[in-house]
Amino acid sequence: MTRVLMAFLADESGATAIEYGLIAAGIALAIITAVDGLGTRLNSKFASINSSLK
């Protein structure tokens, strides 16, 4: 029983999947932030163009 518990504690195969998940979440957060900022600037630019055309 002790040998099985020690083998379970030494197993790190799931840690890699968790690390990859955290990296993917970080990249997704960076993309969302960049797109949100770009969308705000584009919205104001198109509003400016729209008012110039009227």
PDB file of N, CA and C in Angstrom:
ATOM      1  N   MET A   1       0.825  -1.194   0.000  1.00  0.00           N
ATOM      2  CA  MET A   1       0.000   0.000   0.000  1.00  0.00           C
ATOM      3  C   MET A   1       0.868   1.257   0.000  1.00  0.00           C
ATOM      4  N   THR A   2       1.937   1.219   0.775  1.00  0.00           N
ATOM      5  CA  THR A   2       2.839   2.365   0.844  1.00  0.00           C
ATOM      6  C   THR A   2       3.519   2.590  -0.496  1.00  0.00           C
ATOM      7  N   ARG A   3       3.879   1.496  -1.164  1.00  0.00           N
ATOM      8  CA  ARG A   3       4.540   1.595  -2.465  1.00  0.00           C
ATOM      9  C   ARG A   3       3.612   2.232  -3.503  1.00  0.00           C
ATOM     10  N   VAL A   4       2.333   1.902  -3.466  1.00  0.00           N
ATOM     11  CA  VAL A   4       1.361   2.478  -4.393  1.00  0.00           C
ATOM     12  C   VAL A   4       1.184   3.976  -4.111  1.00  0.00           C
ATOM     13  N   LEU A   5       1.107   4.354  -2.858  1.00  0.00           N
ATOM     14  CA  LEU A   5       0.974   5.757  -2.488  1.00  0.00           C
ATOM     15  C   LEU A   5       2.200   6.560  -2.904  1.00  0.00           C
ATOM     16  N   MET A   6       3.387   6.016  -2.707  1.00  0.00           N
ATOM     17  CA  MET A   6       4.613   6.717  -3.099  1.00  0.00           C
ATOM     18  C   MET A   6       4.704   6.853  -4.619  1.00  0.00           C
ATOM     19  N   ALA A   7       4.269   5.841  -5.347  1.00  0.00           N
ATOM     20  CA  ALA A   7       4.267   5.918  -6.804  1.00  0.00           C
ATOM     21  C   ALA A   7       3.279   6.976  -7.285  1.00  0.00           C
ATOM     22  N   PHE A   8       2.144   7.073  -6.611  1.00  0.00           N
ATOM     23  CA  PHE A   8       1.155   8.087  -6.964  1.00  0.00           C
ATOM     24  C   PHE A   8       1.692   9.491  -6.709  1.00  0.00           C
ATOM     25  N   LEU A   9       2.356   9.705  -5.599  1.00  0.00           N
ATOM     26  CA  LEU A   9       2.900  11.014  -5.273  1.00  0.00           C
ATOM     27  C   LEU A   9       4.058  11.403  -6.197  1.00  0.00           C
ATOM     28  N   ALA A  10       4.802  10.421  -6.696  1.00  0.00           N
ATOM     29  CA  ALA A  10       5.937  10.696  -7.568  1.00  0.00           C
ATOM     30  C   ALA A  10       5.515  10.914  -9.016  1.00  0.00           C
ATOM     31  N   ASP A  11       4.302  10.495  -9.374  1.00  0.00           N
ATOM     32  CA  ASP A  11       3.826  10.626 -10.756  1.00  0.00           C
ATOM     33  C   ASP A  11       3.527  12.081 -11.073  1.00  0.00           C
ATOM     34  N   GLU A  12       4.183  12.626 -12.100  1.00  0.00           N
ATOM     35  CA  GLU A  12       3.994  14.018 -12.498  1.00  0.00           C
ATOM     36  C   GLU A  12       3.441  14.138 -13.913  1.00  0.00           C
ATOM     37  N   SER A  13       2.802  13.108 -14.426  1.00  0.00           N
ATOM     38  CA  SER A  13       2.326  13.132 -15.806  1.00  0.00           C
ATOM     39  C   SER A  13       1.175  14.114 -15.995  1.00  0.00           C
ATOM     40  N   GLY A  14       0.360  14.355 -14.993  1.00  0.00           N
ATOM     41  CA  GLY A  14      -0.742  15.292 -15.117  1.00  0.00           C
ATOM     42  C   GLY A  14      -0.307  16.749 -15.010  1.00  0.00           C
ATOM     43  N   ALA A  15       0.878  16.979 -14.443  1.00  0.00           N
ATOM     44  CA  ALA A  15       1.361  18.349 -14.266  1.00  0.00           C
ATOM     45  C   ALA A  15       1.594  19.029 -15.606  1.00  0.00           C
ATOM     46  N   THR A  16       2.053  18.290 -16.590  1.00  0.00           N
ATOM     47  CA  THR A  16       2.314  18.872 -17.900  1.00  0.00           C
ATOM     48  C   THR A  16       1.026  19.352 -18.546  1.00  0.00           C
ATOM     49  N   ALA A  17      -0.030  18.593 -18.441  1.00  0.00           N
ATOM     50  CA  ALA A  17      -1.313  18.985 -19.020  1.00  0.00           C
ATOM     51  C   ALA A  17      -1.840  20.246 -18.337  1.00  0.00           C
ATOM     52  N   ILE A  18      -1.663  20.338 -17.041  1.00  0.00           N
ATOM     53  CA  ILE A  18      -2.109  21.528 -16.316  1.00  0.00           C
ATOM     54  C   ILE A  18      -1.295  22.741 -16.740  1.00  0.00           C
ATOM     55  N   GLU A  19       0.007  22.568 -16.911  1.00  0.00           N
ATOM     56  CA  GLU A  19       0.864  23.677 -17.346  1.00  0.00           C
ATOM     57  C   GLU A  19       0.463  24.156 -18.734  1.00  0.00           C
ATOM     58  N   TYR A  20       0.207  23.231 -19.634  1.00  0.00           N
ATOM     59  CA  TYR A  20      -0.221  23.616 -20.977  1.00  0.00           C
ATOM     60  C   TYR A  20      -1.569  24.340 -20.937  1.00  0.00           C
ATOM     61  N   GLY A  21      -2.447  23.910 -20.072  1.00  0.00           N
ATOM     62  CA  GLY A  21      -3.738  24.579 -19.917  1.00  0.00           C
ATOM     63  C   GLY A  21      -3.580  26.004 -19.403  1.00  0.00           C
ATOM     64  N   LEU A  22      -2.678  26.202 -18.448  1.00  0.00           N
ATOM     65  CA  LEU A  22      -2.432  27.549 -17.936  1.00  0.00           C
ATOM     66  C   LEU A  22      -1.801  28.444 -18.991  1.00  0.00           C
ATOM     67  N   ILE A  23      -0.896  27.898 -19.795  1.00  0.00           N
ATOM     68  CA  ILE A  23      -0.281  28.670 -20.878  1.00  0.00           C
ATOM     69  C   ILE A  23      -1.337  29.072 -21.899  1.00  0.00           C
ATOM     70  N   ALA A  24      -2.208  28.132 -22.270  1.00  0.00           N
ATOM     71  CA  ALA A  24      -3.262  28.432 -23.240  1.00  0.00           C
ATOM     72  C   ALA A  24      -4.217  29.491 -22.695  1.00  0.00           C
ATOM     73  N   ALA A  25      -4.535  29.433 -21.411  1.00  0.00           N
ATOM     74  CA  ALA A  25      -5.412  30.436 -20.808  1.00  0.00           C
ATOM     75  C   ALA A  25      -4.752  31.811 -20.809  1.00  0.00           C
ATOM     76  N   GLY A  26      -3.463  31.862 -20.550  1.00  0.00           N
ATOM     77  CA  GLY A  26      -2.736  33.131 -20.583  1.00  0.00           C
ATOM     78  C   GLY A  26      -2.699  33.734 -21.968  1.00  0.00           C
ATOM     79  N   ILE A  27      -2.460  32.899 -22.970  1.00  0.00           N
ATOM     80  CA  ILE A  27      -2.438  33.381 -24.349  1.00  0.00           C
ATOM     81  C   ILE A  27      -3.821  33.865 -24.764  1.00  0.00           C
ATOM     82  N   ALA A  28      -4.851  33.143 -24.389  1.00  0.00           N
ATOM     83  CA  ALA A  28      -6.219  33.556 -24.719  1.00  0.00           C
ATOM     84  C   ALA A  28      -6.558  34.888 -24.061  1.00  0.00           C
ATOM     85  N   LEU A  29      -6.129  35.084 -22.829  1.00  0.00           N
ATOM     86  CA  LEU A  29      -6.386  36.344 -22.133  1.00  0.00           C
ATOM     87  C   LEU A  29      -5.666  37.503 -22.827  1.00  0.00           C
ATOM     88  N   ALA A  30      -4.429  37.267 -23.272  1.00  0.00           N
ATOM     89  CA  ALA A  30      -3.687  38.306 -23.985  1.00  0.00           C
ATOM     90  C   ALA A  30      -4.364  38.660 -25.304  1.00  0.00           C
ATOM     91  N   ILE A  31      -4.850  37.665 -26.016  1.00  0.00           N
ATOM     92  CA  ILE A  31      -5.530  37.901 -27.295  1.00  0.00           C
ATOM     93  C   ILE A  31      -6.823  38.673 -27.073  1.00  0.00           C
ATOM     94  N   ILE A  32      -7.595  38.292 -26.072  1.00  0.00           N
ATOM     95  CA  ILE A  32      -8.853  38.984 -25.784  1.00  0.00           C
ATOM     96  C   ILE A  32      -8.592  40.440 -25.430  1.00  0.00           C
ATOM     97  N   THR A  33      -7.567  40.696 -24.627  1.00  0.00           N
ATOM     98  CA  THR A  33      -7.232  42.066 -24.246  1.00  0.00           C
ATOM     99  C   THR A  33      -6.820  42.893 -25.455  1.00  0.00           C
ATOM    100  N   ALA A  34      -5.988  42.309 -26.330  1.00  0.00           N
ATOM    101  CA  ALA A  34      -5.527  43.029 -27.520  1.00  0.00           C
ATOM    102  C   ALA A  34      -6.685  43.318 -28.473  1.00  0.00           C
ATOM    103  N   VAL A  35      -7.550  42.351 -28.684  1.00  0.00           N
ATOM    104  CA  VAL A  35      -8.676  42.533 -29.601  1.00  0.00           C
ATOM    105  C   VAL A  35      -9.666  43.550 -29.035  1.00  0.00           C
ATOM    106  N   ASP A  36      -9.856  43.540 -27.725  1.00  0.00           N
ATOM    107  CA  ASP A  36     -10.765  44.498 -27.110  1.00  0.00           C
ATOM    108  C   ASP A  36     -10.244  45.929 -27.288  1.00  0.00           C
ATOM    109  N   GLY A  37      -8.973  46.131 -27.075  1.00  0.00           N
ATOM    110  CA  GLY A  37      -8.391  47.457 -27.263  1.00  0.00           C
ATOM    111  C   GLY A  37      -8.429  47.894 -28.712  1.00  0.00           C
ATOM    112  N   LEU A  38      -8.158  46.976 -29.606  1.00  0.00           N
ATOM    113  CA  LEU A  38      -8.201  47.283 -31.034  1.00  0.00           C
ATOM    114  C   LEU A  38      -9.625  47.588 -31.473  1.00  0.00           C
ATOM    115  N   GLY A  39     -10.588  46.865 -30.951  1.00  0.00           N
ATOM    116  CA  GLY A  39     -11.991  47.093 -31.300  1.00  0.00           C
ATOM    117  C   GLY A  39     -12.466  48.469 -30.863  1.00  0.00           C
ATOM    118  N   THR A  40     -12.028  48.898 -29.693  1.00  0.00           N
ATOM    119  CA  THR A  40     -12.412  50.220 -29.205  1.00  0.00           C
ATOM    120  C   THR A  40     -11.844  51.314 -30.106  1.00  0.00           C
ATOM    121  N   ARG A  41     -10.579  51.156 -30.497  1.00  0.00           N
ATOM    122  CA  ARG A  41      -9.971  52.161 -31.371  1.00  0.00           C
ATOM    123  C   ARG A  41     -10.609  52.168 -32.747  1.00  0.00           C
ATOM    124  N   LEU A  42     -10.926  50.989 -33.264  1.00  0.00           N
ATOM    125  CA  LEU A  42     -11.582  50.920 -34.573  1.00  0.00           C
ATOM    126  C   LEU A  42     -12.974  51.530 -34.526  1.00  0.00           C
ATOM    127  N   ASN A  43     -13.685  51.297 -33.444  1.00  0.00           N
ATOM    128  CA  ASN A  43     -15.025  51.854 -33.303  1.00  0.00           C
ATOM    129  C   ASN A  43     -14.982  53.381 -33.319  1.00  0.00           C
ATOM    130  N   SER A  44     -14.036  53.962 -32.601  1.00  0.00           N
ATOM    131  CA  SER A  44     -13.942  55.424 -32.593  1.00  0.00           C
ATOM    132  C   SER A  44     -13.487  55.952 -33.954  1.00  0.00           C
ATOM    133  N   LYS A  45     -12.628  55.214 -34.643  1.00  0.00           N
ATOM    134  CA  LYS A  45     -12.175  55.640 -35.980  1.00  0.00           C
ATOM    135  C   LYS A  45     -13.337  55.609 -36.973  1.00  0.00           C
ATOM    136  N   PHE A  46     -14.137  54.553 -36.953  1.00  0.00           N
ATOM    137  CA  PHE A  46     -15.279  54.468 -37.859  1.00  0.00           C
ATOM    138  C   PHE A  46     -16.335  55.520 -37.525  1.00  0.00           C
ATOM    139  N   ALA A  47     -16.505  55.834 -36.245  1.00  0.00           N
ATOM    140  CA  ALA A  47     -17.446  56.890 -35.863  1.00  0.00           C
ATOM    141  C   ALA A  47     -16.967  58.231 -36.403  1.00  0.00           C
ATOM    142  N   SER A  48     -15.667  58.459 -36.348  1.00  0.00           N
ATOM    143  CA  SER A  48     -15.094  59.692 -36.895  1.00  0.00           C
ATOM    144  C   SER A  48     -15.292  59.769 -38.408  1.00  0.00           C
ATOM    145  N   ILE A  49     -15.077  58.678 -39.089  1.00  0.00           N
ATOM    146  CA  ILE A  49     -15.271  58.632 -40.542  1.00  0.00           C
ATOM    147  C   ILE A  49     -16.738  58.863 -40.876  1.00  0.00           C
ATOM    148  N   ASN A  50     -17.642  58.234 -40.104  1.00  0.00           N
ATOM    149  CA  ASN A  50     -19.061  58.380 -40.335  1.00  0.00           C
ATOM    150  C   ASN A  50     -19.506  59.837 -40.172  1.00  0.00           C
ATOM    151  N   SER A  51     -19.019  60.492 -39.143  1.00  0.00           N
ATOM    152  CA  SER A  51     -19.401  61.887 -38.924  1.00  0.00           C
ATOM    153  C   SER A  51     -18.797  62.802 -40.008  1.00  0.00           C
ATOM    154  N   SER A  52     -17.651  62.436 -40.540  1.00  0.00           N
ATOM    155  CA  SER A  52     -17.039  63.236 -41.616  1.00  0.00           C
ATOM    156  C   SER A  52     -17.810  63.108 -42.915  1.00  0.00           C
ATOM    157  N   LEU A  53     -18.420  61.959 -43.141  1.00  0.00           N
ATOM    158  CA  LEU A  53     -19.151  61.720 -44.375  1.00  0.00           C
ATOM    159  C   LEU A  53     -20.529  62.381 -44.371  1.00  0.00           C
ATOM    160  N   LYS A  54     -21.060  62.682 -43.219  1.00  0.00           N
ATOM    161  CA  LYS A  54     -22.413  63.257 -43.121  1.00  0.00           C
ATOM    162  C   LYS A  54     -22.431  64.705 -43.454  1.00  0.00           C
TER     163      LYS A  54
END
